[in-house]
Amino acid sequence: MPEHLTQRTLARLEPEGTGKRYFVYGSNPVGLGIEVSAKGKASYFVEIRIKGRRSATRKKIGSVDLISLSDAQAEAKAMLGDAAKGIDFRYSAQEEEIKPETVGYALKQHLTEKRHSLRDSTIRDYQKTFNNCFSDWRTLPLQQLTKKRVTDRYLELRDSGKSSDYVNKAFRNLSSTLSYYDVEPNPIRALKQKGLRQSGKARERFLSQDEIVQIMQHHLIGSKRDAKGTKVPKITRIFMFFMLTGLRANEVIGLKWKDVQDGYFIITGDVAKNKKPHKMPLVGSLKSIVGQRKKDDDPVFGYTQSGYRTAKDKFLEATKMAHFTTHDFRRTFSEHLNLCGYSELDIAVANNQSSTNVTKKHYLGGELAKASLQVKMLTDLQNQFEFYFHGDSKSNNPQKKVKIRMQKPQQSMPKYRNNILQ
């Protein structure tokens, strides 16, 4: 039975404990009570059913030794009033999450708490841009990250020679961390409000027909010396794979033989940029480009990220070709598929890009139509590249009379219902 809580009630509590936990329920107000632990530690609590819920909810107020009975009663009445309105009194406005004290700790906690939803490369990118642009802010109190400090640092980084795109990305990453902790006003927004952000020109580079032919020629020559006696690194195998699949650098460099199964190479969701698993068929010359199968954990192309960059730089230096990035191969893939007559949606499917098309999203998610389309697209692109290589009667390509074909596949592909490969 609830009892009227008074100072005498508190005096009757066993300070040494009884060896068992027990409760004293009060009637002034109903819902306020005292919990006494087995060792005699007494605490006020509120227990009441919140409007709209079936079961009672309990919340501790504080120790009997530290809070007076009158203060406990006043706090209990406020909680009971919230409960009558359907408000969960366990989560009051005063108990909002405490923001990190420093900018560096905010970033660390942000990446730790979101580690299961962020890709490893994204986490590394956040850390790298912070270290390169804001390392001296690591111990800066969050409250001291002002609009003026942000503006000054932005201008300083721009004047240091860093590209607009990189500086913008660094501040975008930092803004994401501040938004995660609901820092308002977000000082990074000052850059937009003042019109300071300068966007770099969108990169539109893709390899031309002549550049594709040049890479194909080096691919057939191998690592032998060219006509001028310059030894060209044998990296063209992975270049050809990039151009003929449109995949991203990390998706190909990290590809292992265990990811090549039943005539497909598979990009898992933890590697794909949009976290959507993606697989493409090993059509035609792609099979000879990847070569003979090795152990499951062996990389298909044998490069690390740094090793690939070094080999690519040496190739460009030896061949004197105009500079290109690995992502330019992806644009090359898309541009030349467009020349073959494929639509933007077709190319988006091949590139594993997210589509806003409702019909495709909800009703064409199966792999049968996608696999058939991929086989046709990849085959047509290979034929297009062969046409570039051999040329026609109007071509200035000096190799137009050379009867060199891309290597024949070494193993048969699975049969498709539309017999596209037959």
Protein backbone atom coordinates (compact mmCIF):
# COMPACT_ATOMS: atom_id res chain seq x y z
CA MET A 1 0.00 0.00 0.00
CA PRO A 2 1.30 3.53 -0.80
CA GLU A 3 2.10 5.57 2.28
CA HIS A 4 2.50 9.26 3.01
CA LEU A 5 6.23 9.95 2.71
CA THR A 6 7.69 12.05 5.54
CA GLN A 7 11.00 12.55 7.29
CA ARG A 8 9.99 9.74 9.62
CA THR A 9 9.71 7.46 6.59
CA LEU A 10 13.26 8.31 5.66
CA ALA A 11 14.45 7.71 9.23
CA ARG A 12 12.99 4.19 9.21
CA LEU A 13 15.06 3.14 6.21
CA GLU A 14 17.74 0.58 7.06
CA PRO A 15 21.12 2.33 6.46
CA GLU A 16 23.01 -0.97 6.67
CA GLY A 17 20.57 -2.75 4.38
CA THR A 18 18.65 -5.96 4.88
CA GLY A 19 20.44 -8.08 2.33
CA LYS A 20 17.51 -7.73 -0.06
CA ARG A 21 16.29 -4.88 -2.24
CA TYR A 22 12.90 -3.41 -1.29
CA PHE A 23 10.64 -0.51 -2.30
CA VAL A 24 8.63 2.08 -0.42
CA TYR A 25 5.78 3.52 -2.52
CA GLY A 26 4.45 6.95 -1.67
CA SER A 27 1.06 8.64 -1.99
CA ASN A 28 2.24 12.26 -2.02
CA PRO A 29 2.27 12.21 -5.00
CA VAL A 30 1.25 8.75 -6.21
CA GLY A 31 4.09 7.47 -8.37
CA LEU A 32 6.94 8.71 -6.18
CA GLY A 33 8.81 6.00 -4.32
CA ILE A 34 12.05 5.03 -2.63
CA GLU A 35 14.23 2.11 -3.69
CA VAL A 36 16.54 0.66 -1.04
CA SER A 37 19.34 -1.59 -2.26
CA ALA A 38 20.48 -4.75 -0.49
CA LYS A 39 23.31 -2.73 1.06
CA GLY A 40 21.02 0.07 2.28
CA LYS A 41 21.55 2.69 -0.44
CA ALA A 42 18.26 4.59 -0.86
CA SER A 43 17.17 6.47 -3.98
CA TYR A 44 14.04 8.33 -5.05
CA PHE A 45 12.28 7.16 -8.21
CA VAL A 46 9.12 7.82 -10.21
CA GLU A 47 7.07 4.95 -11.60
CA ILE A 48 3.88 5.62 -13.55
CA ARG A 49 2.15 4.58 -16.77
CA ILE A 50 2.69 7.13 -19.54
CA LYS A 51 -0.49 8.05 -21.40
CA GLY A 52 -0.93 5.80 -24.43
CA ARG A 53 1.24 2.97 -23.09
CA ARG A 54 0.27 -0.26 -21.40
CA SER A 55 3.09 -0.77 -18.92
CA ALA A 56 4.56 1.51 -16.29
CA THR A 57 7.83 3.41 -16.79
CA ARG A 58 10.36 4.02 -14.04
CA LYS A 59 13.06 6.66 -13.72
CA LYS A 60 15.52 7.29 -10.92
CA ILE A 61 15.56 10.82 -9.47
CA GLY A 62 18.57 10.64 -7.17
CA SER A 63 20.02 9.59 -3.84
CA VAL A 64 18.03 10.22 -0.63
CA ASP A 65 21.27 11.46 0.94
CA LEU A 66 21.72 14.16 -1.72
CA ILE A 67 18.17 15.27 -2.57
CA SER A 68 15.62 16.56 -0.09
CA LEU A 69 12.16 15.02 0.08
CA SER A 70 10.52 18.28 -1.00
CA ASP A 71 12.79 18.58 -4.08
CA ALA A 72 12.10 14.95 -4.99
CA GLN A 73 8.35 15.56 -4.69
CA ALA A 74 8.55 18.65 -6.90
CA GLU A 75 10.55 16.81 -9.59
CA ALA A 76 8.19 13.83 -9.38
CA LYS A 77 5.16 16.06 -9.95
CA ALA A 78 6.78 17.52 -13.07
CA MET A 79 7.45 14.03 -14.43
CA LEU A 80 3.93 12.88 -13.62
CA GLY A 81 2.56 15.90 -15.48
CA ASP A 82 4.59 14.93 -18.56
CA ALA A 83 3.35 11.34 -18.28
CA ALA A 84 -0.26 12.52 -18.24
CA LYS A 85 0.41 14.33 -21.55
CA GLY A 86 1.98 11.24 -23.12
CA ILE A 87 5.54 12.61 -22.84
CA ASP A 88 8.26 10.13 -21.93
CA PHE A 89 9.80 11.82 -18.89
CA ARG A 90 12.97 9.71 -19.17
CA TYR A 91 14.15 11.93 -22.05
CA SER A 92 13.81 15.53 -21.00
CA ALA A 93 15.21 18.52 -22.86
CA GLN A 94 17.82 18.93 -20.12
CA GLU A 95 19.25 15.50 -20.91
CA GLU A 96 20.20 16.12 -24.51
CA GLU A 97 23.39 14.40 -25.65
CA ILE A 98 26.46 16.22 -24.39
CA LYS A 99 28.50 17.49 -27.33
CA PRO A 100 32.20 16.58 -27.55
CA GLU A 101 34.57 19.13 -26.04
CA THR A 102 37.05 19.38 -28.92
CA VAL A 103 36.87 19.29 -32.71
CA GLY A 104 39.25 16.32 -32.91
CA TYR A 105 37.29 14.28 -30.40
CA ALA A 106 34.05 15.09 -32.25
CA LEU A 107 35.52 13.60 -35.45
CA LYS A 108 36.84 10.55 -33.62
CA GLN A 109 33.47 9.83 -32.00
CA HIS A 110 31.57 10.50 -35.21
CA LEU A 111 33.60 7.94 -37.15
CA THR A 112 33.51 5.44 -34.28
CA GLU A 113 29.74 5.57 -33.88
CA LYS A 114 29.13 5.35 -37.63
CA ARG A 115 31.82 2.78 -38.40
CA HIS A 116 29.22 0.14 -39.32
CA SER A 117 27.54 2.33 -41.94
CA LEU A 118 30.61 4.05 -43.42
CA ARG A 119 33.01 2.37 -45.82
CA ASP A 120 36.63 2.05 -44.70
CA SER A 121 37.70 4.31 -47.56
CA THR A 122 35.24 6.99 -46.40
CA ILE A 123 36.60 6.86 -42.86
CA ARG A 124 40.15 7.16 -44.19
CA ASP A 125 39.07 10.10 -46.34
CA TYR A 126 37.61 11.94 -43.32
CA GLN A 127 40.79 11.33 -41.34
CA LYS A 128 43.09 12.33 -44.19
CA THR A 129 41.33 15.60 -45.02
CA PHE A 130 41.23 16.51 -41.32
CA ASN A 131 44.94 15.81 -40.88
CA ASN A 132 45.84 17.75 -44.02
CA CYS A 133 43.65 20.78 -43.37
CA PHE A 134 42.68 20.97 -39.69
CA SER A 135 45.35 19.13 -37.69
CA ASP A 136 45.88 22.14 -35.41
CA TRP A 137 42.15 22.12 -34.58
CA ARG A 138 42.36 18.70 -32.97
CA THR A 139 42.40 20.16 -29.45
CA LEU A 140 40.34 23.24 -30.31
CA PRO A 141 37.23 23.54 -28.07
CA LEU A 142 34.13 23.02 -30.17
CA GLN A 143 32.65 26.30 -28.93
CA GLN A 144 35.64 28.19 -30.35
CA LEU A 145 35.09 26.97 -33.91
CA THR A 146 33.64 30.27 -35.11
CA LYS A 147 32.54 31.48 -38.53
CA LYS A 148 35.56 33.79 -38.72
CA ARG A 149 37.96 30.95 -37.91
CA VAL A 150 36.34 28.80 -40.61
CA THR A 151 36.46 31.63 -43.16
CA ASP A 152 40.12 32.41 -42.45
CA ARG A 153 41.12 28.76 -42.77
CA TYR A 154 39.24 28.35 -46.05
CA LEU A 155 41.03 31.33 -47.60
CA GLU A 156 44.35 30.14 -46.20
CA LEU A 157 43.96 26.69 -47.77
CA ARG A 158 42.92 28.18 -51.11
CA ASP A 159 45.96 30.48 -51.12
CA SER A 160 48.24 27.55 -50.26
CA GLY A 161 47.59 26.03 -53.68
CA LYS A 162 45.19 23.25 -52.72
CA SER A 163 42.48 22.68 -55.31
CA SER A 164 38.98 24.05 -54.80
CA ASP A 165 37.50 20.57 -54.95
CA TYR A 166 39.81 19.23 -52.24
CA VAL A 167 39.28 22.19 -49.91
CA ASN A 168 35.52 21.99 -50.40
CA LYS A 169 35.59 18.27 -49.63
CA ALA A 170 37.58 18.87 -46.43
CA PHE A 171 35.04 21.41 -45.16
CA ARG A 172 32.15 19.23 -46.31
CA ASN A 173 33.50 16.35 -44.23
CA LEU A 174 33.95 18.60 -41.21
CA SER A 175 30.45 20.01 -41.64
CA SER A 176 29.07 16.47 -41.65
CA THR A 177 30.74 15.82 -38.28
CA LEU A 178 29.30 19.02 -36.80
CA SER A 179 25.82 18.21 -38.14
CA TYR A 180 26.07 14.73 -36.62
CA TYR A 181 26.28 16.40 -33.21
CA ASP A 182 23.62 18.96 -34.12
CA VAL A 183 25.97 21.91 -33.71
CA GLU A 184 23.88 25.00 -34.42
CA PRO A 185 24.56 27.31 -36.03
CA ASN A 186 26.96 25.24 -38.09
CA PRO A 187 29.93 27.59 -38.70
CA ILE A 188 30.79 25.88 -42.02
CA ARG A 189 27.62 27.37 -43.56
CA ALA A 190 29.30 30.77 -43.40
CA LEU A 191 31.28 29.81 -46.54
CA LYS A 192 28.09 29.48 -48.57
CA GLN A 193 26.46 32.52 -47.00
CA LYS A 194 29.46 34.66 -47.96
CA GLY A 195 29.73 33.12 -51.42
CA LEU A 196 33.30 31.98 -50.80
CA ARG A 197 33.09 28.42 -52.03
CA GLN A 198 34.49 28.04 -55.50
CA SER A 199 33.57 24.89 -57.34
CA GLY A 200 36.19 23.39 -59.58
CA LYS A 201 35.27 22.62 -63.16
CA ALA A 202 33.70 19.19 -63.51
CA ARG A 203 36.18 16.78 -65.09
CA GLU A 204 35.05 15.65 -68.53
CA ARG A 205 38.18 13.85 -69.70
CA PHE A 206 37.80 10.51 -71.43
CA LEU A 207 40.14 8.65 -73.74
CA SER A 208 39.80 9.27 -77.44
CA GLN A 209 39.86 6.61 -80.15
CA ASP A 210 43.55 7.24 -80.82
CA GLU A 211 44.43 6.96 -77.11
CA ILE A 212 42.49 3.70 -76.83
CA VAL A 213 44.37 2.34 -79.86
CA GLN A 214 47.69 3.40 -78.31
CA ILE A 215 46.94 1.50 -75.09
CA MET A 216 45.82 -1.54 -77.12
CA GLN A 217 49.08 -1.44 -79.08
CA HIS A 218 51.13 -1.39 -75.89
CA HIS A 219 48.96 -4.19 -74.53
CA LEU A 220 49.84 -6.40 -77.51
CA ILE A 221 53.54 -5.45 -77.39
CA GLY A 222 53.71 -6.24 -73.68
CA SER A 223 56.65 -4.96 -71.65
CA LYS A 224 59.03 -4.98 -74.61
CA ARG A 225 60.79 -1.83 -75.70
CA ASP A 226 58.98 0.35 -78.19
CA ALA A 227 60.39 1.70 -81.48
CA LYS A 228 62.44 4.31 -79.59
CA GLY A 229 63.93 1.73 -77.24
CA THR A 230 61.88 2.83 -74.24
CA LYS A 231 60.67 -0.02 -72.04
CA VAL A 232 56.98 0.43 -71.28
CA PRO A 233 55.64 -1.06 -67.99
CA LYS A 234 53.17 -3.90 -68.45
CA ILE A 235 50.19 -2.27 -66.78
CA THR A 236 47.95 -2.21 -69.83
CA ARG A 237 46.16 -5.41 -68.75
CA ILE A 238 44.44 -3.57 -65.92
CA PHE A 239 43.96 -0.49 -68.15
CA MET A 240 42.09 -2.65 -70.68
CA PHE A 241 39.97 -4.09 -67.89
CA PHE A 242 39.08 -0.60 -66.63
CA MET A 243 38.08 0.59 -70.12
CA LEU A 244 36.01 -2.50 -70.91
CA THR A 245 34.11 -2.65 -67.58
CA GLY A 246 33.83 0.93 -66.31
CA LEU A 247 34.65 -0.16 -62.77
CA ARG A 248 36.25 2.10 -60.16
CA ALA A 249 39.87 1.80 -59.09
CA ASN A 250 39.26 0.27 -55.65
CA GLU A 251 36.77 -2.21 -57.14
CA VAL A 252 39.34 -3.61 -59.57
CA ILE A 253 42.57 -3.32 -57.57
CA GLY A 254 40.92 -5.07 -54.62
CA LEU A 255 39.44 -7.82 -56.83
CA LYS A 256 40.50 -11.31 -55.72
CA TRP A 257 40.04 -14.65 -57.41
CA LYS A 258 37.41 -15.66 -54.89
CA ASP A 259 35.33 -12.82 -56.38
CA VAL A 260 35.41 -14.50 -59.80
CA GLN A 261 32.71 -17.17 -59.85
CA ASP A 262 30.76 -19.00 -62.57
CA GLY A 263 31.81 -16.68 -65.37
CA TYR A 264 31.20 -13.48 -63.40
CA PHE A 265 33.33 -11.14 -61.37
CA ILE A 266 31.54 -9.90 -58.29
CA ILE A 267 31.90 -6.52 -56.54
CA THR A 268 30.59 -6.92 -53.00
CA GLY A 269 28.48 -4.28 -51.26
CA ASP A 270 31.24 -3.31 -48.84
CA VAL A 271 33.47 -2.37 -51.79
CA ALA A 272 30.93 -0.76 -54.14
CA LYS A 273 30.56 3.00 -53.66
CA ASN A 274 26.76 2.86 -53.29
CA LYS A 275 26.93 -0.33 -51.18
CA LYS A 276 24.99 -2.23 -53.87
CA PRO A 277 26.56 -5.59 -54.81
CA HIS A 278 27.41 -5.67 -58.50
CA LYS A 279 28.45 -8.42 -60.84
CA MET A 280 29.46 -8.41 -64.49
CA PRO A 281 29.99 -11.29 -66.91
CA LEU A 282 33.44 -12.23 -68.15
CA VAL A 283 32.61 -11.78 -71.81
CA GLY A 284 34.97 -12.37 -74.70
CA SER A 285 38.43 -10.89 -74.25
CA LEU A 286 37.80 -10.07 -70.58
CA LYS A 287 38.52 -13.72 -69.78
CA SER A 288 41.94 -13.60 -71.40
CA ILE A 289 42.68 -10.24 -69.79
CA VAL A 290 42.15 -11.59 -66.26
CA GLY A 291 44.28 -14.64 -67.14
CA GLN A 292 44.55 -18.06 -65.54
CA ARG A 293 42.81 -18.60 -62.23
CA LYS A 294 44.99 -18.60 -59.09
CA LYS A 295 44.38 -19.09 -55.38
CA ASP A 296 41.18 -17.59 -54.01
CA ASP A 297 42.90 -14.95 -51.88
CA ASP A 298 45.33 -13.87 -54.62
CA PRO A 299 44.60 -10.49 -56.25
CA VAL A 300 43.50 -10.81 -59.87
CA PHE A 301 45.80 -8.05 -61.09
CA GLY A 302 48.52 -8.21 -58.44
CA TYR A 303 48.60 -4.51 -57.56
CA THR A 304 48.26 -2.60 -54.32
CA GLN A 305 46.87 0.94 -54.46
CA SER A 306 50.34 2.49 -54.20
CA GLY A 307 51.91 -0.04 -56.56
CA TYR A 308 49.25 0.68 -59.16
CA ARG A 309 49.78 4.45 -58.93
CA THR A 310 53.54 4.03 -59.36
CA ALA A 311 53.15 1.75 -62.40
CA LYS A 312 50.61 4.11 -63.96
CA ASP A 313 52.92 7.11 -63.52
CA LYS A 314 55.81 5.19 -65.09
CA PHE A 315 53.59 4.20 -68.03
CA LEU A 316 52.60 7.82 -68.68
CA GLU A 317 56.22 8.93 -68.42
CA ALA A 318 57.44 6.23 -70.82
CA THR A 319 54.69 6.65 -73.43
CA LYS A 320 54.39 10.47 -73.22
CA MET A 321 50.61 10.07 -73.41
CA ALA A 322 48.44 12.93 -72.16
CA HIS A 323 47.77 12.54 -68.46
CA PHE A 324 44.67 10.58 -67.49
CA THR A 325 43.21 9.43 -64.19
CA THR A 326 41.79 6.01 -63.48
CA HIS A 327 38.31 7.52 -63.27
CA ASP A 328 38.79 8.74 -66.86
CA PHE A 329 38.55 5.08 -67.89
CA ARG A 330 35.06 5.02 -66.37
CA ARG A 331 34.05 8.02 -68.47
CA THR A 332 35.67 6.34 -71.49
CA PHE A 333 33.52 3.27 -70.90
CA SER A 334 30.34 5.37 -70.71
CA GLU A 335 31.14 7.70 -73.61
CA HIS A 336 31.98 4.92 -76.05
CA LEU A 337 28.96 2.85 -75.01
CA ASN A 338 26.90 5.93 -75.80
CA LEU A 339 28.51 5.97 -79.26
CA CYS A 340 27.36 2.35 -79.62
CA GLY A 341 23.78 3.58 -79.18
CA TYR A 342 23.09 2.72 -75.54
CA SER A 343 20.91 4.98 -73.43
CA GLU A 344 21.79 6.71 -70.18
CA LEU A 345 19.70 4.18 -68.24
CA ASP A 346 21.48 1.25 -69.93
CA ILE A 347 24.86 2.75 -69.06
CA ALA A 348 23.71 3.46 -65.49
CA VAL A 349 22.86 -0.24 -65.11
CA ALA A 350 26.30 -1.24 -66.41
CA ASN A 351 27.96 1.28 -64.05
CA ASN A 352 25.94 0.05 -61.05
CA GLN A 353 24.65 3.57 -60.50
CA SER A 354 21.57 4.14 -58.36
CA SER A 355 18.49 4.96 -60.43
CA THR A 356 15.56 7.10 -59.39
CA ASN A 357 13.38 5.32 -61.92
CA VAL A 358 10.57 3.80 -59.86
CA THR A 359 9.76 1.05 -62.36
CA LYS A 360 13.36 -0.15 -62.47
CA LYS A 361 13.76 0.12 -58.71
CA HIS A 362 10.70 -1.91 -57.79
CA TYR A 363 9.93 -4.14 -60.76
CA LEU A 364 13.15 -4.68 -62.75
CA GLY A 365 15.48 -5.57 -59.93
CA GLY A 366 16.07 -9.14 -61.18
CA GLU A 367 19.40 -10.23 -62.58
CA LEU A 368 18.18 -11.99 -65.76
CA ALA A 369 17.48 -8.86 -67.80
CA LYS A 370 20.54 -7.13 -66.36
CA ALA A 371 22.87 -10.02 -67.23
CA SER A 372 21.57 -10.21 -70.79
CA LEU A 373 21.99 -6.46 -71.25
CA GLN A 374 25.51 -6.54 -69.79
CA VAL A 375 26.62 -9.33 -72.12
CA LYS A 376 25.38 -7.42 -75.14
CA MET A 377 26.88 -4.11 -74.01
CA LEU A 378 30.32 -5.51 -73.14
CA THR A 379 30.44 -7.49 -76.39
CA ASP A 380 29.49 -4.43 -78.45
CA LEU A 381 32.11 -2.31 -76.68
CA GLN A 382 34.83 -4.86 -77.38
CA ASN A 383 33.81 -4.92 -81.04
CA GLN A 384 33.89 -1.12 -81.07
CA PHE A 385 37.44 -1.10 -79.69
CA GLU A 386 38.52 -3.69 -82.25
CA PHE A 387 37.09 -1.44 -84.95
CA TYR A 388 39.16 1.43 -83.57
CA PHE A 389 42.26 -0.74 -83.63
CA HIS A 390 41.89 -2.12 -87.16
CA GLY A 391 40.36 1.03 -88.64
CA ASP A 392 38.47 1.31 -91.92
CA SER A 393 39.20 2.64 -95.40
CA LYS A 394 38.97 6.24 -94.20
CA SER A 395 40.99 5.75 -91.06
CA ASN A 396 44.43 7.27 -90.52
CA ASN A 397 45.23 4.45 -88.10
CA PRO A 398 48.57 2.95 -89.26
CA GLN A 399 47.54 -0.41 -87.80
CA LYS A 400 44.47 -0.75 -90.05
CA LYS A 401 46.01 -3.57 -92.13
CA VAL A 402 47.40 -5.53 -89.20
CA LYS A 403 45.41 -8.71 -88.67
CA ILE A 404 45.80 -8.91 -84.90
CA ARG A 405 42.74 -9.93 -82.97
CA MET A 406 42.16 -9.70 -79.24
CA GLN A 407 42.95 -13.06 -77.67
CA LYS A 408 40.34 -15.75 -77.81
CA PRO A 409 38.59 -16.70 -74.56
CA GLN A 410 40.19 -19.70 -72.86
CA GLN A 411 37.00 -21.09 -71.36
CA SER A 412 33.37 -21.11 -72.33
CA MET A 413 30.85 -18.71 -70.84
CA PRO A 414 27.54 -19.90 -69.40
CA LYS A 415 24.79 -20.04 -72.03
CA TYR A 416 22.13 -17.35 -71.93
CA ARG A 417 18.61 -17.82 -73.18
CA ASN A 418 19.03 -15.16 -75.84
CA ASN A 419 22.20 -16.91 -77.12
CA ILE A 420 23.91 -13.53 -77.23
CA LEU A 421 27.41 -15.03 -77.30
CA GLN A 422 26.73 -17.72 -79.85
